[in-house]
Amino acid sequence: MLDFSVLTNYFDLYLEGFLNTIKVSLIGLIGSFILGVIVAVMRIAPMKILNFIGACFVEFIRNIPLIIIVFFFYHGLATFKINLSGFVAGTIGLSIYTASFIAEAVRAGIQSVDKGQMEAGRSSGLTYIQTMRYIILPQAVKIVIPPIGNQFINLVKNSSILGVVAGLELMYFGDYIAQRNYVIFDTYIFVGVFYLILTVPLSLFVNHLEKRLARSY
């Protein structure tokens, strides 16, 4: 039987962690999406140097553990006298890590758009960037909404990594509460429930979008 006094006695800490987790997730969502789209466009741009830089970013970032990236911004930059808080370092690391996966999803979406549309845009006088921005990307993003949505769900769950750098999100406060009351199991069960409050509605929304897009094709 769960000890609900853990939840009631420390509700203010759970709530602070919950709100900070939402904040990290929203910032990470926006940051990773913008960076992911930029990297995706670099990977298919008609310039080999941009292709190379984009490919290096994706392969390097997605093949190392997220915690290494977070430690780089939290501990690594500190050696150069650049001191970031756990919240900032964790959010930057999380955004960059997620961007590498979003970049691949968006690249696949861009490549699934008919090549004739790029040629039509260029022949009408638009530059490569304008064609990509006004014609190709809107279609590509629509195609890849389901996989990007799944990446956003992963981003919310991965935000727990901020707990190891005092990022003040749910896992950090879960650890803090567990160290104070020694009721380990119940404490983390309630942490998990708060994560579910975020991820289940997001998952249902992604499924809804997926079905709606499937009907529109």
C-alpha atoms as a PDB file:
ATOM      1  CA  MET A   1       0.000   0.000   0.000  1.00  0.00           C
ATOM      2  CA  LEU A   2       1.394   3.350  -1.000  1.00  0.00           C
ATOM      3  CA  ASP A   3       2.225   5.830   1.726  1.00  0.00           C
ATOM      4  CA  PHE A   4       0.350   8.915   0.480  1.00  0.00           C
ATOM      5  CA  SER A   5       1.789  11.003   3.316  1.00  0.00           C
ATOM      6  CA  VAL A   6       4.974  11.158   1.204  1.00  0.00           C
ATOM      7  CA  LEU A   7       3.009  12.942  -1.487  1.00  0.00           C
ATOM      8  CA  THR A   8       1.092  15.256   0.844  1.00  0.00           C
ATOM      9  CA  ASN A   9       4.085  16.149   3.034  1.00  0.00           C
ATOM     10  CA  TYR A  10       6.340  16.981   0.101  1.00  0.00           C
ATOM     11  CA  PHE A  11       3.774  18.097  -2.446  1.00  0.00           C
ATOM     12  CA  ASP A  12       5.367  21.541  -2.783  1.00  0.00           C
ATOM     13  CA  LEU A  13       8.681  19.934  -3.811  1.00  0.00           C
ATOM     14  CA  TYR A  14       6.968  17.533  -6.218  1.00  0.00           C
ATOM     15  CA  LEU A  15       5.081  20.472  -7.716  1.00  0.00           C
ATOM     16  CA  GLU A  16       8.242  22.577  -8.130  1.00  0.00           C
ATOM     17  CA  GLY A  17       9.989  19.667  -9.845  1.00  0.00           C
ATOM     18  CA  PHE A  18       6.930  19.040 -12.019  1.00  0.00           C
ATOM     19  CA  LEU A  19       6.767  22.686 -13.153  1.00  0.00           C
ATOM     20  CA  ASN A  20      10.506  22.763 -13.849  1.00  0.00           C
ATOM     21  CA  THR A  21      10.180  19.551 -15.870  1.00  0.00           C
ATOM     22  CA  ILE A  22       7.482  21.217 -17.982  1.00  0.00           C
ATOM     23  CA  LYS A  23       9.753  24.240 -18.445  1.00  0.00           C
ATOM     24  CA  VAL A  24      12.733  22.081 -19.495  1.00  0.00           C
ATOM     25  CA  SER A  25      10.530  20.092 -21.868  1.00  0.00           C
ATOM     26  CA  LEU A  26       9.073  23.178 -23.566  1.00  0.00           C
ATOM     27  CA  ILE A  27      12.464  24.873 -23.998  1.00  0.00           C
ATOM     28  CA  GLY A  28      14.019  21.604 -25.161  1.00  0.00           C
ATOM     29  CA  LEU A  29      11.137  20.982 -27.563  1.00  0.00           C
ATOM     30  CA  ILE A  30      11.499  24.371 -29.255  1.00  0.00           C
ATOM     31  CA  GLY A  31      15.308  24.347 -29.237  1.00  0.00           C
ATOM     32  CA  SER A  32      15.686  20.794 -30.523  1.00  0.00           C
ATOM     33  CA  PHE A  33      13.125  21.320 -33.269  1.00  0.00           C
ATOM     34  CA  ILE A  34      14.791  24.496 -34.588  1.00  0.00           C
ATOM     35  CA  LEU A  35      18.279  22.959 -34.424  1.00  0.00           C
ATOM     36  CA  GLY A  36      17.047  19.680 -35.901  1.00  0.00           C
ATOM     37  CA  VAL A  37      15.495  21.422 -38.915  1.00  0.00           C
ATOM     38  CA  ILE A  38      18.683  23.441 -39.517  1.00  0.00           C
ATOM     39  CA  VAL A  39      20.839  20.301 -39.390  1.00  0.00           C
ATOM     40  CA  ALA A  40      18.407  18.415 -41.652  1.00  0.00           C
ATOM     41  CA  VAL A  41      18.598  21.176 -44.277  1.00  0.00           C
ATOM     42  CA  MET A  42      22.403  21.172 -44.000  1.00  0.00           C
ATOM     43  CA  ARG A  43      22.484  17.421 -44.625  1.00  0.00           C
ATOM     44  CA  ILE A  44      20.715  17.717 -47.975  1.00  0.00           C
ATOM     45  CA  ALA A  45      22.013  21.160 -49.051  1.00  0.00           C
ATOM     46  CA  PRO A  46      23.837  21.320 -52.413  1.00  0.00           C
ATOM     47  CA  MET A  47      27.143  22.036 -50.624  1.00  0.00           C
ATOM     48  CA  LYS A  48      29.340  19.147 -49.540  1.00  0.00           C
ATOM     49  CA  ILE A  49      30.862  21.002 -46.615  1.00  0.00           C
ATOM     50  CA  LEU A  50      27.386  21.552 -45.119  1.00  0.00           C
ATOM     51  CA  ASN A  51      26.511  17.887 -45.754  1.00  0.00           C
ATOM     52  CA  PHE A  52      29.693  16.889 -43.926  1.00  0.00           C
ATOM     53  CA  ILE A  53      29.075  19.172 -40.944  1.00  0.00           C
ATOM     54  CA  GLY A  54      25.461  18.017 -40.646  1.00  0.00           C
ATOM     55  CA  ALA A  55      26.427  14.338 -40.872  1.00  0.00           C
ATOM     56  CA  CYS A  56      29.186  14.776 -38.265  1.00  0.00           C
ATOM     57  CA  PHE A  57      26.751  16.459 -35.874  1.00  0.00           C
ATOM     58  CA  VAL A  58      24.155  13.692 -36.178  1.00  0.00           C
ATOM     59  CA  GLU A  59      26.563  10.754 -35.990  1.00  0.00           C
ATOM     60  CA  PHE A  60      28.606  12.214 -33.157  1.00  0.00           C
ATOM     61  CA  ILE A  61      25.765  13.380 -30.943  1.00  0.00           C
ATOM     62  CA  ARG A  62      23.382  10.452 -31.291  1.00  0.00           C
ATOM     63  CA  ASN A  63      26.103   7.864 -30.696  1.00  0.00           C
ATOM     64  CA  ILE A  64      27.230   9.101 -27.304  1.00  0.00           C
ATOM     65  CA  PRO A  65      25.223   8.881 -24.065  1.00  0.00           C
ATOM     66  CA  LEU A  66      23.095  11.864 -23.168  1.00  0.00           C
ATOM     67  CA  ILE A  67      24.760  12.115 -19.771  1.00  0.00           C
ATOM     68  CA  ILE A  68      28.151  12.745 -21.409  1.00  0.00           C
ATOM     69  CA  ILE A  69      26.714  15.711 -23.310  1.00  0.00           C
ATOM     70  CA  VAL A  70      25.133  17.107 -20.148  1.00  0.00           C
ATOM     71  CA  PHE A  71      28.383  16.634 -18.191  1.00  0.00           C
ATOM     72  CA  PHE A  72      30.265  18.465 -20.958  1.00  0.00           C
ATOM     73  CA  PHE A  73      28.122  21.575 -20.526  1.00  0.00           C
ATOM     74  CA  TYR A  74      27.994  21.316 -16.721  1.00  0.00           C
ATOM     75  CA  HIS A  75      31.513  20.154 -15.769  1.00  0.00           C
ATOM     76  CA  GLY A  76      33.466  20.541 -19.023  1.00  0.00           C
ATOM     77  CA  LEU A  77      32.737  24.221 -19.643  1.00  0.00           C
ATOM     78  CA  ALA A  78      33.452  24.974 -15.978  1.00  0.00           C
ATOM     79  CA  THR A  79      37.127  24.176 -16.649  1.00  0.00           C
ATOM     80  CA  PHE A  80      37.105  27.122 -19.083  1.00  0.00           C
ATOM     81  CA  LYS A  81      35.527  29.384 -16.449  1.00  0.00           C
ATOM     82  CA  ILE A  82      32.103  29.082 -18.093  1.00  0.00           C
ATOM     83  CA  ASN A  83      29.810  28.116 -15.250  1.00  0.00           C
ATOM     84  CA  LEU A  84      26.293  27.044 -16.181  1.00  0.00           C
ATOM     85  CA  SER A  85      23.603  26.024 -13.710  1.00  0.00           C
ATOM     86  CA  GLY A  86      22.428  22.432 -13.777  1.00  0.00           C
ATOM     87  CA  PHE A  87      19.138  23.580 -15.277  1.00  0.00           C
ATOM     88  CA  VAL A  88      20.797  25.475 -18.156  1.00  0.00           C
ATOM     89  CA  ALA A  89      23.494  22.865 -18.838  1.00  0.00           C
ATOM     90  CA  GLY A  90      20.948  20.048 -18.768  1.00  0.00           C
ATOM     91  CA  THR A  91      18.477  21.853 -21.024  1.00  0.00           C
ATOM     92  CA  ILE A  92      21.166  22.659 -23.603  1.00  0.00           C
ATOM     93  CA  GLY A  93      22.464  19.080 -23.564  1.00  0.00           C
ATOM     94  CA  LEU A  94      18.957  17.654 -23.831  1.00  0.00           C
ATOM     95  CA  SER A  95      18.070  19.978 -26.731  1.00  0.00           C
ATOM     96  CA  ILE A  96      21.210  19.121 -28.692  1.00  0.00           C
ATOM     97  CA  TYR A  97      20.814  15.390 -28.098  1.00  0.00           C
ATOM     98  CA  THR A  98      17.164  15.369 -29.214  1.00  0.00           C
ATOM     99  CA  ALA A  99      17.981  17.583 -32.219  1.00  0.00           C
ATOM    100  CA  SER A 100      20.195  14.853 -33.690  1.00  0.00           C
ATOM    101  CA  PHE A 101      17.204  12.487 -33.873  1.00  0.00           C
ATOM    102  CA  ILE A 102      14.789  15.145 -35.095  1.00  0.00           C
ATOM    103  CA  ALA A 103      17.266  16.085 -37.847  1.00  0.00           C
ATOM    104  CA  GLU A 104      17.149  12.557 -39.237  1.00  0.00           C
ATOM    105  CA  ALA A 105      13.343  12.473 -39.099  1.00  0.00           C
ATOM    106  CA  VAL A 106      13.046  15.830 -40.877  1.00  0.00           C
ATOM    107  CA  ARG A 107      15.674  14.822 -43.462  1.00  0.00           C
ATOM    108  CA  ALA A 108      13.628  11.714 -44.275  1.00  0.00           C
ATOM    109  CA  GLY A 109      10.541  13.907 -44.592  1.00  0.00           C
ATOM    110  CA  ILE A 110      12.275  16.344 -46.949  1.00  0.00           C
ATOM    111  CA  GLN A 111      13.514  13.503 -49.133  1.00  0.00           C
ATOM    112  CA  SER A 112       9.998  12.079 -49.370  1.00  0.00           C
ATOM    113  CA  VAL A 113       8.706  15.312 -50.953  1.00  0.00           C
ATOM    114  CA  ASP A 114       8.585  15.124 -54.747  1.00  0.00           C
ATOM    115  CA  LYS A 115      11.850  16.509 -56.196  1.00  0.00           C
ATOM    116  CA  GLY A 116       9.833  18.260 -58.864  1.00  0.00           C
ATOM    117  CA  GLN A 117       8.611  20.730 -56.250  1.00  0.00           C
ATOM    118  CA  MET A 118      12.134  21.931 -55.577  1.00  0.00           C
ATOM    119  CA  GLU A 119      12.722  22.341 -59.294  1.00  0.00           C
ATOM    120  CA  ALA A 120       9.416  24.171 -59.701  1.00  0.00           C
ATOM    121  CA  GLY A 121      10.275  26.543 -56.853  1.00  0.00           C
ATOM    122  CA  ARG A 122      13.736  27.300 -58.242  1.00  0.00           C
ATOM    123  CA  SER A 123      12.396  27.807 -61.781  1.00  0.00           C
ATOM    124  CA  SER A 124       9.860  30.324 -60.449  1.00  0.00           C
ATOM    125  CA  GLY A 125      12.686  32.516 -59.157  1.00  0.00           C
ATOM    126  CA  LEU A 126      12.877  31.423 -55.517  1.00  0.00           C
ATOM    127  CA  THR A 127      16.276  30.829 -53.953  1.00  0.00           C
ATOM    128  CA  TYR A 128      17.181  27.436 -52.481  1.00  0.00           C
ATOM    129  CA  ILE A 129      16.471  28.684 -48.957  1.00  0.00           C
ATOM    130  CA  GLN A 130      13.151  30.272 -49.965  1.00  0.00           C
ATOM    131  CA  THR A 131      12.047  27.121 -51.750  1.00  0.00           C
ATOM    132  CA  MET A 132      12.987  25.032 -48.750  1.00  0.00           C
ATOM    133  CA  ARG A 133      11.245  27.400 -46.325  1.00  0.00           C
ATOM    134  CA  TYR A 134       7.991  28.064 -48.178  1.00  0.00           C
ATOM    135  CA  ILE A 135       7.457  24.873 -50.196  1.00  0.00           C
ATOM    136  CA  ILE A 136       9.450  21.859 -49.026  1.00  0.00           C
ATOM    137  CA  LEU A 137       9.652  22.177 -45.231  1.00  0.00           C
ATOM    138  CA  PRO A 138       5.909  22.733 -44.599  1.00  0.00           C
ATOM    139  CA  GLN A 139       5.179  19.475 -46.401  1.00  0.00           C
ATOM    140  CA  ALA A 140       8.080  17.606 -44.817  1.00  0.00           C
ATOM    141  CA  VAL A 141       7.152  18.613 -41.272  1.00  0.00           C
ATOM    142  CA  LYS A 142       3.573  17.462 -41.841  1.00  0.00           C
ATOM    143  CA  ILE A 143       4.874  14.056 -42.937  1.00  0.00           C
ATOM    144  CA  VAL A 144       7.198  13.597 -39.961  1.00  0.00           C
ATOM    145  CA  ILE A 145       4.910  14.829 -37.175  1.00  0.00           C
ATOM    146  CA  PRO A 146       4.384  11.285 -35.738  1.00  0.00           C
ATOM    147  CA  PRO A 147       8.107  10.416 -35.394  1.00  0.00           C
ATOM    148  CA  ILE A 148       8.891  13.915 -34.113  1.00  0.00           C
ATOM    149  CA  GLY A 149       6.075  13.572 -31.586  1.00  0.00           C
ATOM    150  CA  ASN A 150       7.649  10.370 -30.296  1.00  0.00           C
ATOM    151  CA  GLN A 151      10.962  12.203 -29.941  1.00  0.00           C
ATOM    152  CA  PHE A 152       9.241  14.863 -27.858  1.00  0.00           C
ATOM    153  CA  ILE A 153       7.851  12.156 -25.552  1.00  0.00           C
ATOM    154  CA  ASN A 154      11.391  10.794 -25.214  1.00  0.00           C
ATOM    155  CA  LEU A 155      12.594  14.327 -24.469  1.00  0.00           C
ATOM    156  CA  VAL A 156      10.196  14.616 -21.515  1.00  0.00           C
ATOM    157  CA  LYS A 157      11.407  11.279 -20.113  1.00  0.00           C
ATOM    158  CA  ASN A 158      15.067  12.097 -20.794  1.00  0.00           C
ATOM    159  CA  SER A 159      14.693  15.339 -18.844  1.00  0.00           C
ATOM    160  CA  SER A 160      15.226  13.159 -15.740  1.00  0.00           C
ATOM    161  CA  ILE A 161      18.946  13.336 -16.595  1.00  0.00           C
ATOM    162  CA  LEU A 162      18.966  16.831 -15.103  1.00  0.00           C
ATOM    163  CA  GLY A 163      18.688  15.164 -11.712  1.00  0.00           C
ATOM    164  CA  VAL A 164      22.409  14.263 -11.817  1.00  0.00           C
ATOM    165  CA  VAL A 165      23.464  17.915 -12.245  1.00  0.00           C
ATOM    166  CA  ALA A 166      21.056  19.496  -9.765  1.00  0.00           C
ATOM    167  CA  GLY A 167      18.731  20.577 -12.536  1.00  0.00           C
ATOM    168  CA  LEU A 168      15.804  21.042 -10.122  1.00  0.00           C
ATOM    169  CA  GLU A 169      13.392  18.885 -12.096  1.00  0.00           C
ATOM    170  CA  LEU A 170      11.260  15.967 -10.898  1.00  0.00           C
ATOM    171  CA  MET A 171      14.041  13.399 -10.481  1.00  0.00           C
ATOM    172  CA  TYR A 172      16.206  15.853  -8.559  1.00  0.00           C
ATOM    173  CA  PHE A 173      13.444  16.511  -6.057  1.00  0.00           C
ATOM    174  CA  GLY A 174      12.616  12.775  -5.973  1.00  0.00           C
ATOM    175  CA  ASP A 175      16.188  12.074  -4.878  1.00  0.00           C
ATOM    176  CA  TYR A 176      15.989  14.891  -2.338  1.00  0.00           C
ATOM    177  CA  ILE A 177      12.731  13.621  -0.848  1.00  0.00           C
ATOM    178  CA  ALA A 178      13.997  10.016  -0.720  1.00  0.00           C
ATOM    179  CA  GLN A 179      17.117  11.124   1.163  1.00  0.00           C
ATOM    180  CA  ARG A 180      14.977  12.921   3.731  1.00  0.00           C
ATOM    181  CA  ASN A 181      12.281  10.330   4.444  1.00  0.00           C
ATOM    182  CA  TYR A 182      14.003   7.050   3.485  1.00  0.00           C
ATOM    183  CA  VAL A 183      10.733   5.860   1.873  1.00  0.00           C
ATOM    184  CA  ILE A 184      12.447   5.081  -1.425  1.00  0.00           C
ATOM    185  CA  PHE A 185       9.848   2.995  -3.269  1.00  0.00           C
ATOM    186  CA  ASP A 186       6.832   5.237  -2.631  1.00  0.00           C
ATOM    187  CA  THR A 187       8.794   8.410  -3.361  1.00  0.00           C
ATOM    188  CA  TYR A 188       9.814   7.286  -6.830  1.00  0.00           C
ATOM    189  CA  ILE A 189       6.365   5.828  -7.577  1.00  0.00           C
ATOM    190  CA  PHE A 190       4.943   9.342  -7.166  1.00  0.00           C
ATOM    191  CA  VAL A 191       7.763  10.731  -9.341  1.00  0.00           C
ATOM    192  CA  GLY A 192       6.731   8.228 -12.019  1.00  0.00           C
ATOM    193  CA  VAL A 193       3.079   9.285 -11.692  1.00  0.00           C
ATOM    194  CA  PHE A 194       4.023  12.919 -12.330  1.00  0.00           C
ATOM    195  CA  TYR A 195       5.939  11.890 -15.456  1.00  0.00           C
ATOM    196  CA  LEU A 196       2.864   9.947 -16.631  1.00  0.00           C
ATOM    197  CA  ILE A 197       0.739  13.068 -16.174  1.00  0.00           C
ATOM    198  CA  LEU A 198       2.965  14.661 -18.814  1.00  0.00           C
ATOM    199  CA  THR A 199       3.663  11.799 -21.197  1.00  0.00           C
ATOM    200  CA  VAL A 200       0.272  10.064 -21.436  1.00  0.00           C
ATOM    201  CA  PRO A 201      -1.646  13.132 -22.769  1.00  0.00           C
ATOM    202  CA  LEU A 202       1.267  13.868 -25.105  1.00  0.00           C
ATOM    203  CA  SER A 203       1.236  10.275 -26.360  1.00  0.00           C
ATOM    204  CA  LEU A 204      -2.545  10.398 -26.928  1.00  0.00           C
ATOM    205  CA  PHE A 205      -2.157  13.694 -28.796  1.00  0.00           C
ATOM    206  CA  VAL A 206       0.541  12.209 -31.061  1.00  0.00           C
ATOM    207  CA  ASN A 207      -1.660   9.161 -31.769  1.00  0.00           C
ATOM    208  CA  HIS A 208      -4.559  11.473 -32.606  1.00  0.00           C
ATOM    209  CA  LEU A 209      -2.385  13.474 -34.997  1.00  0.00           C
ATOM    210  CA  GLU A 210      -1.083  10.281 -36.593  1.00  0.00           C
ATOM    211  CA  LYS A 211      -4.621   8.988 -37.281  1.00  0.00           C
ATOM    212  CA  ARG A 212      -5.775  12.374 -38.545  1.00  0.00           C
ATOM    213  CA  LEU A 213      -2.833  12.639 -40.946  1.00  0.00           C
ATOM    214  CA  ALA A 214      -3.382   9.061 -42.111  1.00  0.00           C
ATOM    215  CA  ARG A 215      -6.973   9.922 -43.071  1.00  0.00           C
ATOM    216  CA  SER A 216      -5.835  13.018 -44.980  1.00  0.00           C
ATOM    217  CA  TYR A 217      -3.525  11.016 -47.291  1.00  0.00           C
END
